[in-house]
């Protein structure tokens, strides 16, 4: 299939999804959850270093129902030797019916001056099950960062934005739900081990804020 053909096919899938989601509005279920502001200040061996402010323009573009933006530092009394801290960002959408959908970091990062240098799919094992995610190395000037992100909905973790959209359509039909979240963890570019360690501690508690 040509590139043009693939684009038309993708547009068709997305259009079908919009129609299906809008058709199921009256039956949509919103399960109970805790607000992300209540996310523990201690994640595994990591301790909160305070919330990170998000400007009003970014919040309007984000258009999420709930979010948390917080820095964490590793507890020096534990055995894992992290070189730096971790920035956590989670945006939760209770419904994605009318254009209120999640934004891919691949679209948002260039707008803030960060350029993706490489991207790969990864899997991080945890006690709560594996996390399928995308990992980016991004650069702005001489600064380089490692971004690990995934989409989470109904107990599953999804690395691909396109797979996330496909699950959105399927779950809207099967479960009458379109709630989901994007989870993003940022470290310095040489702190891949720190990112994985933090994610392992985070994954078991996320179901309280992002319903299975």
N, C-alpha and C. Protein backbone atom coordinates (compact mmCIF):
# COMPACT_ATOMS: atom_id res chain seq x y z
N UNK A 1 0.85 -1.20 0.00
CA UNK A 1 0.00 0.00 0.00
C UNK A 1 0.88 1.24 0.00
N UNK A 2 0.51 2.22 -0.78
CA UNK A 2 1.28 3.45 -0.87
C UNK A 2 1.09 4.28 0.40
N UNK A 3 1.96 5.28 0.57
CA UNK A 3 1.84 6.18 1.72
C UNK A 3 0.48 6.87 1.73
N UNK A 4 0.03 7.34 0.56
CA UNK A 4 -1.27 7.99 0.48
C UNK A 4 -2.38 7.04 0.88
N UNK A 5 -2.26 5.79 0.43
CA UNK A 5 -3.27 4.79 0.79
C UNK A 5 -3.31 4.53 2.28
N UNK A 6 -2.12 4.46 2.90
CA UNK A 6 -2.07 4.23 4.34
C UNK A 6 -2.69 5.40 5.09
N UNK A 7 -2.45 6.62 4.61
CA UNK A 7 -3.02 7.79 5.27
C UNK A 7 -4.54 7.79 5.18
N UNK A 8 -5.07 7.44 4.00
CA UNK A 8 -6.52 7.37 3.85
C UNK A 8 -7.10 6.27 4.75
N UNK A 9 -6.41 5.14 4.83
CA UNK A 9 -6.88 4.05 5.68
C UNK A 9 -6.90 4.47 7.14
N UNK A 10 -5.84 5.16 7.58
CA UNK A 10 -5.78 5.63 8.95
C UNK A 10 -6.90 6.63 9.24
N UNK A 11 -7.13 7.56 8.31
CA UNK A 11 -8.21 8.53 8.48
C UNK A 11 -9.55 7.83 8.58
N UNK A 12 -9.71 6.76 7.80
CA UNK A 12 -10.95 6.00 7.86
C UNK A 12 -11.17 5.36 9.22
N UNK A 13 -10.09 4.80 9.78
CA UNK A 13 -10.19 4.18 11.11
C UNK A 13 -10.55 5.22 12.15
N UNK A 14 -9.88 6.37 12.10
CA UNK A 14 -10.15 7.42 13.08
C UNK A 14 -11.57 7.96 12.95
N UNK A 15 -12.03 8.14 11.71
CA UNK A 15 -13.39 8.63 11.50
C UNK A 15 -14.41 7.63 12.03
N UNK A 16 -14.16 6.36 11.78
CA UNK A 16 -15.04 5.32 12.31
C UNK A 16 -15.07 5.37 13.83
N UNK A 17 -13.90 5.59 14.41
CA UNK A 17 -13.82 5.68 15.86
C UNK A 17 -14.64 6.82 16.41
N UNK A 18 -14.55 7.97 15.77
CA UNK A 18 -15.33 9.13 16.22
C UNK A 18 -16.82 8.83 16.17
N UNK A 19 -17.27 8.21 15.07
CA UNK A 19 -18.69 7.89 14.91
C UNK A 19 -19.14 6.92 15.99
N UNK A 20 -18.32 5.89 16.23
CA UNK A 20 -18.68 4.88 17.22
C UNK A 20 -18.73 5.48 18.62
N UNK A 21 -17.74 6.30 18.94
CA UNK A 21 -17.68 6.89 20.27
C UNK A 21 -18.86 7.82 20.49
N UNK A 22 -19.17 8.67 19.51
CA UNK A 22 -20.30 9.57 19.65
C UNK A 22 -21.62 8.81 19.79
N UNK A 23 -21.70 7.68 19.10
CA UNK A 23 -22.93 6.88 19.17
C UNK A 23 -23.13 6.25 20.54
N UNK A 24 -22.04 6.09 21.30
CA UNK A 24 -22.14 5.41 22.59
C UNK A 24 -22.09 6.37 23.77
N UNK A 25 -22.29 7.67 23.51
CA UNK A 25 -22.17 8.67 24.57
C UNK A 25 -23.08 8.37 25.74
N UNK A 26 -24.36 8.08 25.47
CA UNK A 26 -25.34 7.93 26.55
C UNK A 26 -25.04 6.73 27.43
N UNK A 27 -24.31 5.75 26.90
CA UNK A 27 -24.05 4.53 27.65
C UNK A 27 -22.66 4.52 28.28
N UNK A 28 -21.90 5.60 28.12
CA UNK A 28 -20.52 5.58 28.60
C UNK A 28 -20.46 5.50 30.12
N UNK A 29 -19.58 4.62 30.61
CA UNK A 29 -19.42 4.42 32.04
C UNK A 29 -18.12 5.09 32.51
N UNK A 30 -18.18 5.73 33.67
CA UNK A 30 -16.99 6.34 34.26
C UNK A 30 -16.75 5.69 35.62
N UNK A 31 -15.80 4.77 35.71
CA UNK A 31 -15.57 4.07 36.97
C UNK A 31 -14.96 5.00 38.02
N UNK A 32 -15.13 4.69 39.30
CA UNK A 32 -14.55 5.53 40.36
C UNK A 32 -13.03 5.47 40.34
N UNK A 33 -12.41 6.55 40.75
CA UNK A 33 -10.95 6.64 40.79
C UNK A 33 -10.55 7.72 41.78
N UNK A 34 -9.30 7.65 42.21
CA UNK A 34 -8.75 8.69 43.07
C UNK A 34 -8.13 9.79 42.20
N UNK A 35 -8.15 11.05 42.67
CA UNK A 35 -7.53 12.12 41.88
C UNK A 35 -6.02 11.95 41.83
N UNK A 36 -5.41 12.37 40.73
CA UNK A 36 -3.97 12.23 40.59
C UNK A 36 -3.19 13.08 41.59
N UNK A 37 -3.82 14.11 42.12
CA UNK A 37 -3.15 14.91 43.15
C UNK A 37 -2.87 14.09 44.40
N UNK A 38 -3.62 12.97 44.56
CA UNK A 38 -3.43 12.10 45.72
C UNK A 38 -2.36 11.05 45.49
N UNK A 39 -1.73 11.05 44.31
CA UNK A 39 -0.65 10.08 44.04
C UNK A 39 0.41 10.19 45.12
N UNK A 40 0.86 9.06 45.61
CA UNK A 40 1.80 9.04 46.73
C UNK A 40 3.06 9.86 46.44
N UNK A 41 3.53 10.53 47.46
CA UNK A 41 4.79 11.28 47.34
C UNK A 41 5.99 10.35 47.46
N UNK A 42 5.72 9.08 47.72
CA UNK A 42 6.79 8.07 47.78
C UNK A 42 6.47 6.94 46.81
N UNK A 43 7.29 6.76 45.81
CA UNK A 43 7.12 5.71 44.80
C UNK A 43 8.36 4.81 44.86
N UNK A 44 8.16 3.60 45.38
CA UNK A 44 9.32 2.72 45.55
C UNK A 44 10.38 3.40 46.40
N UNK A 45 11.58 3.49 45.86
CA UNK A 45 12.67 4.16 46.57
C UNK A 45 12.79 5.63 46.24
N UNK A 46 11.73 6.22 45.68
CA UNK A 46 11.76 7.61 45.25
C UNK A 46 10.84 8.47 46.10
N UNK A 47 11.29 9.69 46.40
CA UNK A 47 10.55 10.62 47.23
C UNK A 47 10.26 11.89 46.44
N UNK A 48 9.03 12.44 46.60
CA UNK A 48 8.66 13.65 45.88
C UNK A 48 9.56 14.82 46.25
N UNK A 49 9.97 15.58 45.22
CA UNK A 49 10.72 16.81 45.42
C UNK A 49 9.84 18.02 45.15
N UNK A 50 8.53 17.80 45.00
CA UNK A 50 7.60 18.89 44.78
C UNK A 50 6.93 18.83 43.42
N UNK A 51 5.77 19.46 43.34
CA UNK A 51 5.05 19.53 42.06
C UNK A 51 5.72 20.51 41.10
N UNK A 52 5.57 20.25 39.80
CA UNK A 52 6.12 21.11 38.75
C UNK A 52 4.97 21.88 38.13
N UNK A 53 5.06 23.19 38.13
CA UNK A 53 3.98 24.02 37.59
C UNK A 53 3.84 23.84 36.09
N UNK A 54 2.59 23.84 35.62
CA UNK A 54 2.29 23.77 34.19
C UNK A 54 1.54 25.06 33.85
N UNK A 55 2.01 25.78 32.84
CA UNK A 55 1.41 27.08 32.51
C UNK A 55 0.00 26.92 31.93
N UNK A 56 -0.77 27.99 32.01
CA UNK A 56 -2.16 27.96 31.59
C UNK A 56 -2.37 27.61 30.14
N UNK A 57 -1.50 28.12 29.25
CA UNK A 57 -1.64 27.82 27.82
C UNK A 57 -1.48 26.32 27.57
N UNK A 58 -0.49 25.72 28.24
CA UNK A 58 -0.27 24.28 28.08
C UNK A 58 -1.46 23.48 28.59
N UNK A 59 -2.04 23.93 29.71
CA UNK A 59 -3.19 23.23 30.26
C UNK A 59 -4.39 23.31 29.32
N UNK A 60 -4.57 24.44 28.67
CA UNK A 60 -5.68 24.57 27.72
C UNK A 60 -5.49 23.65 26.52
N UNK A 61 -4.26 23.54 26.04
CA UNK A 61 -3.99 22.64 24.92
C UNK A 61 -4.15 21.18 25.37
N UNK A 62 -3.68 20.89 26.57
CA UNK A 62 -3.77 19.54 27.12
C UNK A 62 -5.23 19.11 27.24
N UNK A 63 -6.07 19.98 27.81
CA UNK A 63 -7.50 19.74 27.91
C UNK A 63 -7.83 18.41 28.60
N UNK A 64 -7.04 18.07 29.62
CA UNK A 64 -7.25 16.83 30.35
C UNK A 64 -8.23 17.04 31.49
N UNK A 65 -8.85 15.95 31.95
CA UNK A 65 -9.75 16.02 33.09
C UNK A 65 -8.99 16.03 34.41
N UNK A 66 -7.79 15.51 34.43
CA UNK A 66 -6.98 15.47 35.64
C UNK A 66 -5.52 15.29 35.23
N UNK A 67 -4.62 15.77 36.04
CA UNK A 67 -3.20 15.59 35.73
C UNK A 67 -2.37 15.73 36.99
N UNK A 68 -1.15 15.23 36.91
CA UNK A 68 -0.15 15.48 37.94
C UNK A 68 1.18 15.70 37.24
N UNK A 69 1.95 16.66 37.74
CA UNK A 69 3.28 16.96 37.22
C UNK A 69 4.19 17.12 38.44
N UNK A 70 5.12 16.19 38.62
CA UNK A 70 5.84 16.12 39.90
C UNK A 70 7.26 15.61 39.69
N UNK A 71 8.18 16.16 40.45
CA UNK A 71 9.57 15.69 40.45
C UNK A 71 9.79 14.73 41.61
N UNK A 72 10.61 13.72 41.36
CA UNK A 72 10.96 12.75 42.40
C UNK A 72 12.48 12.62 42.47
N UNK A 73 12.97 12.40 43.69
CA UNK A 73 14.38 12.15 43.92
C UNK A 73 14.54 10.77 44.52
N UNK A 74 15.67 10.13 44.22
CA UNK A 74 15.88 8.81 44.79
C UNK A 74 16.36 8.91 46.22
N UNK A 75 15.80 8.04 47.05
CA UNK A 75 16.19 8.00 48.46
C UNK A 75 17.60 7.44 48.57
N UNK A 76 18.56 8.21 49.08
CA UNK A 76 19.95 7.73 49.12
C UNK A 76 20.17 6.54 50.05
N UNK A 77 19.17 6.26 50.94
CA UNK A 77 19.32 5.13 51.86
C UNK A 77 19.05 3.79 51.18
N UNK A 78 18.51 3.80 49.95
CA UNK A 78 18.26 2.57 49.23
C UNK A 78 19.48 2.21 48.38
N UNK A 79 19.47 1.01 47.84
CA UNK A 79 20.67 0.50 47.17
C UNK A 79 20.85 1.02 45.76
N UNK A 80 19.75 1.46 45.11
CA UNK A 80 19.88 1.86 43.72
C UNK A 80 20.54 3.23 43.63
N UNK A 81 21.57 3.33 42.82
CA UNK A 81 22.31 4.58 42.73
C UNK A 81 21.90 5.39 41.52
N UNK A 82 20.89 6.26 41.65
CA UNK A 82 20.44 7.07 40.53
C UNK A 82 21.31 8.31 40.40
N UNK A 83 21.65 8.66 39.19
CA UNK A 83 22.51 9.82 38.95
C UNK A 83 21.75 11.12 39.11
N UNK A 84 20.44 11.11 38.93
CA UNK A 84 19.65 12.34 39.00
C UNK A 84 18.22 12.05 39.39
N UNK A 85 17.36 13.04 39.17
CA UNK A 85 15.96 12.89 39.52
C UNK A 85 15.11 12.43 38.36
N UNK A 86 13.82 12.32 38.64
CA UNK A 86 12.84 11.89 37.66
C UNK A 86 11.69 12.89 37.65
N UNK A 87 11.24 13.28 36.46
CA UNK A 87 10.05 14.12 36.33
C UNK A 87 8.91 13.24 35.81
N UNK A 88 7.81 13.24 36.56
CA UNK A 88 6.65 12.43 36.20
C UNK A 88 5.52 13.35 35.75
N UNK A 89 4.89 12.97 34.64
CA UNK A 89 3.69 13.69 34.18
C UNK A 89 2.65 12.67 33.76
N UNK A 90 1.44 12.81 34.28
CA UNK A 90 0.32 11.94 33.91
C UNK A 90 -0.87 12.84 33.58
N UNK A 91 -1.48 12.62 32.43
CA UNK A 91 -2.72 13.32 32.06
C UNK A 91 -3.81 12.27 31.87
N UNK A 92 -4.93 12.46 32.56
CA UNK A 92 -6.04 11.50 32.52
C UNK A 92 -7.24 12.13 31.82
N UNK A 93 -7.87 11.34 30.94
CA UNK A 93 -9.06 11.77 30.21
C UNK A 93 -10.21 10.81 30.56
N UNK A 94 -11.24 11.35 31.20
CA UNK A 94 -12.38 10.51 31.54
C UNK A 94 -13.20 10.12 30.33
N UNK A 95 -13.14 10.95 29.29
CA UNK A 95 -13.87 10.68 28.05
C UNK A 95 -13.10 11.31 26.90
N UNK A 96 -13.07 10.61 25.77
CA UNK A 96 -12.40 11.12 24.57
C UNK A 96 -13.39 11.17 23.41
N UNK A 97 -14.53 11.78 23.66
CA UNK A 97 -15.62 11.73 22.69
C UNK A 97 -15.59 12.86 21.67
N UNK A 98 -15.25 14.06 22.10
CA UNK A 98 -15.43 15.23 21.24
C UNK A 98 -14.12 15.99 21.06
N UNK A 99 -13.12 15.27 20.56
CA UNK A 99 -11.84 15.91 20.29
C UNK A 99 -10.96 16.03 21.51
N UNK A 100 -11.43 15.56 22.68
CA UNK A 100 -10.66 15.64 23.91
C UNK A 100 -9.78 14.40 24.02
N UNK A 101 -8.81 14.28 23.13
CA UNK A 101 -7.96 13.10 23.07
C UNK A 101 -6.55 13.42 23.52
N UNK A 102 -5.81 12.37 23.81
CA UNK A 102 -4.44 12.52 24.30
C UNK A 102 -3.50 12.99 23.20
N UNK A 103 -2.49 13.77 23.61
CA UNK A 103 -1.53 14.30 22.66
C UNK A 103 -0.23 13.48 22.74
N UNK A 104 0.29 13.10 21.59
CA UNK A 104 1.54 12.35 21.56
C UNK A 104 2.71 13.28 21.85
N UNK A 105 3.66 12.85 22.69
CA UNK A 105 4.87 13.65 22.91
C UNK A 105 5.63 13.92 21.62
N UNK A 106 5.51 13.04 20.64
CA UNK A 106 6.19 13.26 19.36
C UNK A 106 5.66 14.51 18.65
N UNK A 107 4.42 14.89 18.96
CA UNK A 107 3.85 16.10 18.39
C UNK A 107 4.13 17.32 19.25
N UNK A 108 4.15 17.12 20.56
CA UNK A 108 4.26 18.25 21.49
C UNK A 108 5.70 18.71 21.72
N UNK A 109 6.65 17.79 21.74
CA UNK A 109 8.03 18.14 22.10
C UNK A 109 8.66 19.15 21.14
N UNK A 110 8.54 18.99 19.82
CA UNK A 110 9.15 19.98 18.92
C UNK A 110 8.63 21.39 19.14
N UNK A 111 7.37 21.51 19.59
CA UNK A 111 6.80 22.83 19.83
C UNK A 111 7.47 23.54 21.00
N UNK A 112 8.12 22.77 21.88
CA UNK A 112 8.82 23.36 23.02
C UNK A 112 10.34 23.40 22.81
N UNK A 113 10.77 23.12 21.59
CA UNK A 113 12.18 23.23 21.27
C UNK A 113 12.98 21.95 21.39
N UNK A 114 12.36 20.87 21.85
CA UNK A 114 13.05 19.58 21.97
C UNK A 114 12.87 18.77 20.70
N UNK A 115 13.95 18.22 20.19
CA UNK A 115 13.93 17.43 18.97
C UNK A 115 14.20 15.96 19.28
N UNK A 116 13.31 15.05 18.88
CA UNK A 116 13.57 13.62 19.07
C UNK A 116 14.78 13.18 18.24
N UNK A 117 15.75 12.54 18.88
CA UNK A 117 16.95 12.06 18.21
C UNK A 117 16.85 10.57 17.88
N UNK A 118 16.13 9.84 18.72
CA UNK A 118 15.93 8.41 18.48
C UNK A 118 14.67 7.97 19.22
N UNK A 119 14.08 6.88 18.76
CA UNK A 119 12.88 6.33 19.39
C UNK A 119 12.89 4.82 19.27
N UNK A 120 12.44 4.16 20.32
CA UNK A 120 12.36 2.70 20.28
C UNK A 120 11.29 2.22 21.25
N UNK A 121 10.73 1.07 20.94
CA UNK A 121 9.76 0.44 21.83
C UNK A 121 10.52 -0.37 22.87
N UNK A 122 10.08 -0.29 24.13
CA UNK A 122 10.73 -1.05 25.20
C UNK A 122 9.67 -1.76 26.02
N UNK A 123 10.11 -2.68 26.84
CA UNK A 123 9.26 -3.35 27.83
C UNK A 123 9.98 -3.34 29.16
N UNK A 124 9.30 -2.85 30.19
CA UNK A 124 9.84 -2.82 31.55
C UNK A 124 9.04 -3.80 32.38
N UNK A 125 9.69 -4.80 32.96
CA UNK A 125 9.01 -5.78 33.80
C UNK A 125 8.81 -5.22 35.21
N UNK A 126 7.63 -5.52 35.79
CA UNK A 126 7.35 -5.08 37.15
C UNK A 126 6.51 -6.15 37.83
N UNK A 127 6.34 -6.02 39.16
CA UNK A 127 5.53 -6.98 39.91
C UNK A 127 4.07 -6.96 39.47
N UNK A 128 3.63 -5.83 38.91
CA UNK A 128 2.24 -5.71 38.44
C UNK A 128 2.08 -6.08 36.98
N UNK A 129 3.13 -6.60 36.37
CA UNK A 129 3.09 -6.97 34.96
C UNK A 129 3.98 -6.08 34.13
N UNK A 130 4.22 -6.44 32.87
CA UNK A 130 5.11 -5.67 32.01
C UNK A 130 4.49 -4.34 31.59
N UNK A 131 5.34 -3.36 31.35
CA UNK A 131 4.92 -2.06 30.84
C UNK A 131 5.49 -1.92 29.44
N UNK A 132 4.63 -1.81 28.44
CA UNK A 132 5.06 -1.56 27.07
C UNK A 132 5.06 -0.06 26.84
N UNK A 133 6.21 0.48 26.43
CA UNK A 133 6.36 1.92 26.34
C UNK A 133 7.22 2.30 25.15
N UNK A 134 7.22 3.58 24.84
CA UNK A 134 8.13 4.16 23.85
C UNK A 134 9.18 4.97 24.59
N UNK A 135 10.42 4.85 24.16
CA UNK A 135 11.51 5.60 24.79
C UNK A 135 12.19 6.48 23.75
N UNK A 136 12.27 7.77 24.05
CA UNK A 136 12.86 8.76 23.16
C UNK A 136 14.10 9.36 23.79
N UNK A 137 15.11 9.62 22.98
CA UNK A 137 16.20 10.51 23.37
C UNK A 137 15.91 11.83 22.67
N UNK A 138 15.79 12.91 23.46
CA UNK A 138 15.47 14.22 22.89
C UNK A 138 16.60 15.20 23.21
N UNK A 139 16.72 16.22 22.39
CA UNK A 139 17.81 17.17 22.56
C UNK A 139 17.34 18.59 22.30
N UNK A 140 17.85 19.52 23.13
CA UNK A 140 17.64 20.96 22.92
C UNK A 140 18.99 21.62 23.20
N UNK A 141 19.62 22.13 22.14
CA UNK A 141 20.97 22.65 22.31
C UNK A 141 21.91 21.53 22.71
N UNK A 142 22.60 21.71 23.85
CA UNK A 142 23.52 20.69 24.34
C UNK A 142 22.86 19.76 25.36
N UNK A 143 21.61 20.04 25.73
CA UNK A 143 20.91 19.24 26.73
C UNK A 143 20.24 18.04 26.05
N UNK A 144 20.38 16.88 26.68
CA UNK A 144 19.74 15.65 26.20
C UNK A 144 18.96 15.02 27.34
N UNK A 145 17.78 14.54 27.03
CA UNK A 145 16.94 13.89 28.02
C UNK A 145 16.40 12.58 27.47
N UNK A 146 16.02 11.71 28.40
CA UNK A 146 15.40 10.43 28.06
C UNK A 146 13.93 10.49 28.46
N UNK A 147 13.05 10.29 27.50
CA UNK A 147 11.61 10.33 27.75
C UNK A 147 11.04 8.93 27.54
N UNK A 148 10.40 8.40 28.58
CA UNK A 148 9.72 7.11 28.49
C UNK A 148 8.23 7.36 28.69
N UNK A 149 7.41 6.95 27.74
CA UNK A 149 5.98 7.22 27.88
C UNK A 149 5.16 6.05 27.35
N UNK A 150 3.95 5.98 27.87
CA UNK A 150 3.01 4.99 27.37
C UNK A 150 1.58 5.49 27.60
N UNK A 151 0.65 4.87 26.88
CA UNK A 151 -0.77 5.12 27.06
C UNK A 151 -1.32 4.00 27.92
N UNK A 152 -2.18 4.35 28.88
CA UNK A 152 -2.72 3.34 29.78
C UNK A 152 -4.24 3.42 29.81
N UNK A 153 -4.87 2.26 29.61
CA UNK A 153 -6.33 2.21 29.67
C UNK A 153 -6.78 0.81 30.05
N UNK A 154 -7.66 0.73 31.05
CA UNK A 154 -8.37 -0.49 31.41
C UNK A 154 -7.40 -1.64 31.70
N UNK A 155 -6.31 -1.30 32.39
CA UNK A 155 -5.36 -2.30 32.85
C UNK A 155 -4.23 -2.61 31.89
N UNK A 156 -4.27 -2.06 30.68
CA UNK A 156 -3.21 -2.35 29.72
C UNK A 156 -2.31 -1.13 29.52
N UNK A 157 -1.07 -1.39 29.16
CA UNK A 157 -0.14 -0.33 28.79
C UNK A 157 0.17 -0.47 27.31
N UNK A 158 0.23 0.66 26.60
CA UNK A 158 0.33 0.65 25.14
C UNK A 158 1.42 1.62 24.73
N UNK A 159 2.36 1.15 23.92
CA UNK A 159 3.46 2.01 23.48
C UNK A 159 3.06 2.89 22.30
N UNK A 160 2.24 2.37 21.42
CA UNK A 160 1.94 3.04 20.15
C UNK A 160 0.71 3.92 20.23
N UNK A 161 0.81 5.13 19.70
CA UNK A 161 -0.35 6.01 19.63
C UNK A 161 -1.45 5.40 18.76
N UNK A 162 -1.07 4.76 17.65
CA UNK A 162 -2.07 4.18 16.75
C UNK A 162 -2.78 3.00 17.39
N UNK A 163 -2.04 2.17 18.14
CA UNK A 163 -2.66 1.07 18.86
C UNK A 163 -3.60 1.59 19.95
N UNK A 164 -3.20 2.70 20.59
CA UNK A 164 -4.06 3.32 21.59
C UNK A 164 -5.39 3.76 20.99
N UNK A 165 -5.35 4.35 19.78
CA UNK A 165 -6.58 4.77 19.11
C UNK A 165 -7.45 3.56 18.75
N UNK A 166 -6.81 2.48 18.33
CA UNK A 166 -7.57 1.28 17.98
C UNK A 166 -8.28 0.70 19.21
N UNK A 167 -7.56 0.64 20.34
CA UNK A 167 -8.18 0.17 21.57
C UNK A 167 -9.30 1.10 22.02
N UNK A 168 -9.14 2.39 21.77
CA UNK A 168 -10.18 3.36 22.11
C UNK A 168 -11.49 3.01 21.41
N UNK A 169 -11.41 2.72 20.12
CA UNK A 169 -12.61 2.35 19.36
C UNK A 169 -13.19 1.04 19.89
N UNK A 170 -12.34 0.04 20.09
CA UNK A 170 -12.82 -1.28 20.53
C UNK A 170 -13.46 -1.21 21.91
N UNK A 171 -12.80 -0.51 22.85
CA UNK A 171 -13.34 -0.44 24.20
C UNK A 171 -14.62 0.40 24.27
N UNK A 172 -14.76 1.37 23.37
CA UNK A 172 -16.00 2.15 23.33
C UNK A 172 -17.17 1.27 22.93
N UNK A 173 -16.91 0.29 22.06
CA UNK A 173 -17.95 -0.63 21.63
C UNK A 173 -18.22 -1.69 22.71
N UNK A 174 -17.13 -2.29 23.23
CA UNK A 174 -17.28 -3.42 24.15
C UNK A 174 -17.67 -2.98 25.55
N UNK A 175 -16.98 -1.95 26.06
CA UNK A 175 -17.09 -1.58 27.47
C UNK A 175 -17.85 -0.28 27.70
N UNK A 176 -18.16 0.44 26.61
CA UNK A 176 -18.78 1.77 26.72
C UNK A 176 -17.91 2.70 27.57
N UNK A 177 -16.60 2.61 27.33
CA UNK A 177 -15.64 3.45 28.05
C UNK A 177 -14.62 4.01 27.06
N UNK A 178 -14.27 5.28 27.25
CA UNK A 178 -13.21 5.89 26.44
C UNK A 178 -12.18 6.58 27.34
N UNK A 179 -12.18 6.23 28.64
CA UNK A 179 -11.22 6.83 29.57
C UNK A 179 -9.84 6.22 29.37
N UNK A 180 -8.82 7.04 29.53
CA UNK A 180 -7.44 6.59 29.35
C UNK A 180 -6.51 7.68 29.87
N UNK A 181 -5.21 7.38 29.89
CA UNK A 181 -4.23 8.35 30.35
C UNK A 181 -2.94 8.17 29.58
N UNK A 182 -2.13 9.21 29.59
CA UNK A 182 -0.76 9.10 29.10
C UNK A 182 0.17 9.33 30.28
N UNK A 183 1.16 8.47 30.40
CA UNK A 183 2.14 8.52 31.49
C UNK A 183 3.51 8.80 30.88
N UNK A 184 4.19 9.81 31.41
CA UNK A 184 5.49 10.20 30.86
C UNK A 184 6.51 10.35 31.99
N UNK A 185 7.66 9.73 31.81
CA UNK A 185 8.75 9.79 32.79
C UNK A 185 9.98 10.34 32.09
N UNK A 186 10.57 11.38 32.66
CA UNK A 186 11.72 12.05 32.04
C UNK A 186 12.91 12.00 32.98
N UNK A 187 14.07 11.58 32.45
CA UNK A 187 15.32 11.59 33.19
C UNK A 187 16.39 12.20 32.28
N UNK A 188 17.59 12.33 32.81
CA UNK A 188 18.69 12.71 31.94
C UNK A 188 18.98 11.55 30.99
N UNK A 189 19.64 11.84 29.88
CA UNK A 189 19.79 10.87 28.80
C UNK A 189 20.56 9.62 29.21
N UNK A 190 21.40 9.71 30.23
CA UNK A 190 22.19 8.54 30.63
C UNK A 190 21.59 7.82 31.83
N UNK A 191 20.32 8.12 32.16
CA UNK A 191 19.69 7.53 33.34
C UNK A 191 18.61 6.52 32.98
N UNK A 192 18.87 5.66 32.03
CA UNK A 192 17.88 4.66 31.64
C UNK A 192 17.52 3.75 32.81
N UNK A 193 18.52 3.40 33.62
CA UNK A 193 18.26 2.55 34.78
C UNK A 193 17.37 3.23 35.80
N UNK A 194 17.55 4.54 35.97
CA UNK A 194 16.70 5.28 36.91
C UNK A 194 15.25 5.29 36.44
N UNK A 195 15.05 5.50 35.15
CA UNK A 195 13.70 5.51 34.59
C UNK A 195 13.02 4.17 34.83
N UNK A 196 13.71 3.08 34.54
CA UNK A 196 13.13 1.75 34.71
C UNK A 196 12.81 1.47 36.17
N UNK A 197 13.70 1.87 37.08
CA UNK A 197 13.48 1.65 38.51
C UNK A 197 12.25 2.40 38.99
N UNK A 198 12.11 3.65 38.57
CA UNK A 198 10.94 4.44 38.98
C UNK A 198 9.66 3.84 38.41
N UNK A 199 9.67 3.44 37.15
CA UNK A 199 8.48 2.86 36.51
C UNK A 199 8.04 1.59 37.22
N UNK A 200 9.00 0.78 37.65
CA UNK A 200 8.65 -0.45 38.37
C UNK A 200 7.91 -0.14 39.68
N UNK A 201 8.30 0.94 40.33
CA UNK A 201 7.61 1.33 41.55
C UNK A 201 6.26 1.98 41.29
N UNK A 202 6.14 2.66 40.15
CA UNK A 202 4.91 3.38 39.82
C UNK A 202 3.80 2.46 39.35
N UNK A 203 4.13 1.48 38.54
CA UNK A 203 3.12 0.66 37.86
C UNK A 203 2.11 0.03 38.82
N UNK A 204 2.49 -0.54 39.98
CA UNK A 204 1.51 -1.22 40.82
C UNK A 204 0.46 -0.31 41.44
N UNK A 205 0.67 1.00 41.49
CA UNK A 205 -0.29 1.89 42.16
C UNK A 205 -1.18 2.64 41.17
N UNK A 206 -0.89 2.56 39.87
CA UNK A 206 -1.59 3.39 38.91
C UNK A 206 -3.07 3.06 38.77
N UNK A 207 -3.46 1.82 39.06
CA UNK A 207 -4.87 1.43 38.89
C UNK A 207 -5.80 2.24 39.79
N UNK A 208 -5.28 2.82 40.85
CA UNK A 208 -6.13 3.63 41.74
C UNK A 208 -6.52 4.97 41.08
N UNK A 209 -5.69 5.42 40.14
CA UNK A 209 -5.91 6.73 39.51
C UNK A 209 -6.31 6.60 38.04
N UNK A 210 -5.94 5.47 37.42
CA UNK A 210 -6.30 5.16 36.04
C UNK A 210 -7.01 3.81 36.08
N UNK A 211 -8.33 3.78 36.14
CA UNK A 211 -9.07 2.55 36.44
C UNK A 211 -8.81 1.43 35.41
N UNK A 212 -8.73 0.21 35.93
CA UNK A 212 -8.60 -0.98 35.09
C UNK A 212 -9.93 -1.25 34.37
